[in-house]
Every structure is written in structure tokens, then in C-alpha cells.
N, C-alpha and C. Protein backbone atom coordinates (compact mmCIF):
# COMPACT_ATOMS: atom_id res chain seq x y z
N MET A 1 12.76 -14.03 16.18
CA MET A 1 11.60 -12.44 16.62
C MET A 1 12.25 -11.85 16.21
N GLU A 2 13.31 -11.72 15.81
CA GLU A 2 14.01 -10.10 15.24
C GLU A 2 13.20 -10.05 13.76
N SER A 3 12.98 -11.05 12.79
CA SER A 3 12.73 -11.03 11.30
C SER A 3 11.00 -10.56 11.55
N LYS A 4 10.22 -10.88 12.70
CA LYS A 4 8.97 -10.36 12.75
C LYS A 4 8.74 -8.97 12.75
N GLU A 5 9.88 -8.71 13.46
CA GLU A 5 10.09 -7.03 13.66
C GLU A 5 10.40 -6.32 12.52
N ILE A 6 11.11 -6.90 11.94
CA ILE A 6 11.43 -6.55 10.41
C ILE A 6 10.64 -6.55 9.23
N LEU A 7 9.69 -7.74 9.45
CA LEU A 7 7.80 -7.62 9.18
C LEU A 7 7.24 -6.36 9.32
N LYS A 8 7.60 -6.38 10.76
CA LYS A 8 6.47 -5.25 11.07
C LYS A 8 6.58 -3.69 10.75
N GLN A 9 8.12 -3.69 10.44
CA GLN A 9 8.66 -2.88 9.87
C GLN A 9 8.30 -2.30 8.48
N GLN A 10 8.30 -3.15 7.43
CA GLN A 10 8.42 -2.94 6.44
C GLN A 10 6.44 -2.81 6.21
N LEU A 11 6.21 -3.30 6.85
CA LEU A 11 4.29 -3.61 6.84
C LEU A 11 4.11 -1.74 7.19
N GLU A 12 5.03 -1.91 8.08
CA GLU A 12 4.59 0.41 8.46
C GLU A 12 4.94 1.31 7.31
N ARG A 13 5.82 0.44 7.00
CA ARG A 13 6.40 1.57 5.63
C ARG A 13 5.57 0.99 4.44
N LEU A 14 4.52 0.28 4.23
CA LEU A 14 3.91 -0.09 2.76
C LEU A 14 2.70 0.43 3.41
N GLU A 15 2.34 0.57 4.47
CA GLU A 15 0.85 1.09 4.65
C GLU A 15 1.23 2.54 4.43
N HIS A 16 2.08 3.45 4.81
CA HIS A 16 2.46 5.07 5.10
C HIS A 16 2.64 5.30 3.41
N GLU A 17 2.95 4.46 2.37
CA GLU A 17 2.96 4.86 1.06
C GLU A 17 1.89 4.60 0.64
N HIS A 18 1.36 3.54 1.01
CA HIS A 18 -0.37 3.57 0.56
C HIS A 18 -1.01 4.31 1.13
N HIS A 19 -0.92 5.04 2.12
CA HIS A 19 -1.47 6.77 2.65
C HIS A 19 -1.39 7.37 1.67
N ASP A 20 -0.07 7.90 1.35
CA ASP A 20 0.76 8.51 0.75
C ASP A 20 -0.13 8.74 -0.63
N LEU A 21 -0.42 7.69 -1.48
CA LEU A 21 -0.53 7.37 -2.92
C LEU A 21 -2.26 8.06 -2.68
N ASP A 22 -3.01 7.50 -1.32
CA ASP A 22 -3.85 8.11 -1.66
C ASP A 22 -4.69 9.46 -1.47
N ALA A 23 -3.25 10.39 -0.86
CA ALA A 23 -3.47 11.89 -0.74
C ALA A 23 -3.62 12.49 -2.52
N MET A 24 -2.45 11.56 -2.84
CA MET A 24 -1.82 12.03 -4.14
C MET A 24 -2.91 11.49 -5.07
N ILE A 25 -3.46 10.87 -5.26
CA ILE A 25 -4.40 10.53 -6.08
C ILE A 25 -5.60 11.70 -6.02
N ASP A 26 -6.53 11.49 -4.62
CA ASP A 26 -6.64 12.55 -4.78
C ASP A 26 -6.41 13.59 -5.12
N ARG A 27 -5.08 14.60 -4.92
CA ARG A 27 -4.94 16.03 -5.24
C ARG A 27 -4.68 15.55 -7.09
N VAL A 28 -4.42 14.92 -7.88
CA VAL A 28 -4.35 14.56 -9.15
C VAL A 28 -6.06 14.99 -9.43
N LEU A 29 -6.74 14.06 -9.18
CA LEU A 29 -8.09 14.13 -9.24
C LEU A 29 -8.95 15.05 -9.33
N SER A 30 -8.39 16.19 -7.65
CA SER A 30 -8.56 17.63 -8.15
C SER A 30 -8.39 18.64 -8.66
N GLY A 31 -7.87 18.58 -9.40
CA GLY A 31 -6.78 19.34 -10.20
C GLY A 31 -8.06 19.97 -11.59
N ALA A 32 -7.57 20.80 -11.87
CA ALA A 32 -8.18 21.69 -12.73
C ALA A 32 -8.06 20.62 -14.23
N ILE A 33 -7.13 19.90 -14.62
CA ILE A 33 -7.07 18.81 -15.96
C ILE A 33 -6.45 18.04 -15.10
N VAL A 34 -6.86 16.58 -15.17
CA VAL A 34 -6.58 15.33 -14.73
C VAL A 34 -6.19 14.70 -15.75
N ASP A 35 -4.80 14.56 -15.43
CA ASP A 35 -4.09 13.26 -15.69
C ASP A 35 -4.55 11.69 -15.68
N GLN A 36 -5.15 11.03 -16.24
CA GLN A 36 -5.39 10.00 -16.52
C GLN A 36 -4.54 8.96 -16.39
N ILE A 37 -3.90 9.22 -17.13
CA ILE A 37 -2.37 8.51 -16.99
C ILE A 37 -1.45 8.29 -15.86
N ALA A 38 -1.57 9.20 -15.58
CA ALA A 38 -0.85 9.81 -14.19
C ALA A 38 -1.81 8.71 -13.12
N VAL A 39 -3.35 8.99 -12.79
CA VAL A 39 -4.22 8.57 -11.99
C VAL A 39 -4.04 7.07 -12.00
N GLN A 40 -3.93 6.36 -13.15
CA GLN A 40 -4.00 4.61 -13.27
C GLN A 40 -3.05 4.23 -13.14
N ARG A 41 -1.67 4.81 -13.70
CA ARG A 41 -0.25 4.17 -12.67
C ARG A 41 -0.64 4.51 -11.13
N LEU A 42 -1.13 5.07 -10.29
CA LEU A 42 -0.88 5.46 -9.44
C LEU A 42 -1.78 4.51 -8.75
N LYS A 43 -2.94 4.40 -9.18
CA LYS A 43 -3.81 3.22 -8.45
C LYS A 43 -3.19 1.82 -8.95
N LYS A 44 -2.32 2.06 -9.78
CA LYS A 44 -1.40 0.44 -9.95
C LYS A 44 -1.05 0.06 -8.79
N ARG A 45 -0.50 1.48 -8.90
CA ARG A 45 0.80 1.20 -7.52
C ARG A 45 0.23 1.02 -6.12
N LYS A 46 -0.91 1.65 -6.05
CA LYS A 46 -1.61 1.29 -5.09
C LYS A 46 -1.90 -0.05 -4.54
N LEU A 47 -2.75 -0.43 -6.23
CA LEU A 47 -2.36 -2.14 -5.75
C LEU A 47 -1.76 -2.93 -5.38
N LEU A 48 -0.99 -2.53 -6.12
CA LEU A 48 0.06 -3.54 -5.73
C LEU A 48 0.77 -3.74 -4.24
N LEU A 49 0.80 -2.46 -3.71
CA LEU A 49 1.40 -2.10 -2.20
C LEU A 49 0.30 -2.40 -1.18
N LYS A 50 -1.00 -2.48 -1.90
CA LYS A 50 -2.34 -3.82 -1.59
C LYS A 50 -2.12 -5.39 -0.97
N ASP A 51 -1.71 -5.28 -2.07
CA ASP A 51 -1.63 -6.78 -1.87
C ASP A 51 0.16 -7.25 -1.30
N GLN A 52 1.11 -6.54 -1.07
CA GLN A 52 2.37 -6.56 -0.51
C GLN A 52 2.14 -6.29 0.54
N ILE A 53 0.91 -5.51 1.31
CA ILE A 53 0.62 -5.67 3.09
C ILE A 53 -0.16 -6.87 3.13
N SER A 54 -0.79 -7.10 2.21
CA SER A 54 -2.08 -8.47 2.94
C SER A 54 -0.57 -9.24 3.06
N HIS A 55 0.20 -9.97 1.97
CA HIS A 55 1.10 -10.37 2.29
C HIS A 55 1.87 -10.32 3.16
N LEU A 56 2.19 -9.41 3.82
CA LEU A 56 3.38 -9.11 4.47
C LEU A 56 2.29 -9.85 6.48
N ARG A 57 1.06 -8.84 6.11
CA ARG A 57 0.43 -9.32 7.27
C ARG A 57 0.15 -11.03 7.61
N SER A 58 -0.19 -11.86 6.47
CA SER A 58 0.07 -13.01 6.71
C SER A 58 0.62 -13.79 7.17
N ARG A 59 2.03 -13.13 6.50
CA ARG A 59 3.11 -13.25 7.45
C ARG A 59 3.46 -13.58 7.88
N ILE A 60 3.02 -12.17 9.47
CA ILE A 60 3.04 -12.00 10.50
C ILE A 60 2.22 -12.57 11.15
N VAL A 61 1.00 -12.56 11.53
CA VAL A 61 -0.21 -13.35 11.70
C VAL A 61 -0.52 -14.44 11.03
N PRO A 62 -0.05 -15.52 10.86
CA PRO A 62 -0.62 -16.72 9.75
C PRO A 62 -2.17 -17.12 10.32
N ASP A 63 -2.98 -17.01 8.77
CA ASP A 63 -4.59 -17.73 9.47
C ASP A 63 -4.19 -19.30 10.05
N ILE A 64 -5.00 -19.26 10.66
CA ILE A 64 -5.38 -20.88 11.40
C ILE A 64 -6.43 -21.25 11.23
N ILE A 65 -6.56 -22.59 10.64
CA ILE A 65 -7.73 -23.04 10.32
C ILE A 65 -8.28 -24.00 11.12
N ALA A 66 -9.14 -24.03 11.30
CA ALA A 66 -9.85 -24.60 12.76
C ALA A 66 -10.67 -25.60 11.96
């Protein structure tokens, strides 16, 4: 049961970082000069986080095939 709590904490941390990246991407895009390379790196990191979040969610609540 303790491992499930650890997974939930990791999930919460990753979701928070994912949300922070959203805000960071918005700030970079709203600037006068847009650094496309920085935006691309942030989006790549955000996609990686999304994959990790999906993986953790599936470990916490596995799909049940009926």
C-alpha cells in the first residue's frame, strides 16, 4: 500500500511540473522575441512528462479488460 502512495506523490509532482511548463511556454510565446528552440525543448519536456504521467496512472489504476 505504501508503494501506491509513493506513486501518487510522484504523479502529483509530475502533474505540477507539467502545469508549470504550460505557464512557461505561454510566457515564452507571449514575449516580443520568441525563442523557437526554447519552445521546442519545453514542449518536448512536456510531452515526456505526459507520457510519464500516463504510465504512473496506469500503474495506480490498471485497466480492466472485460
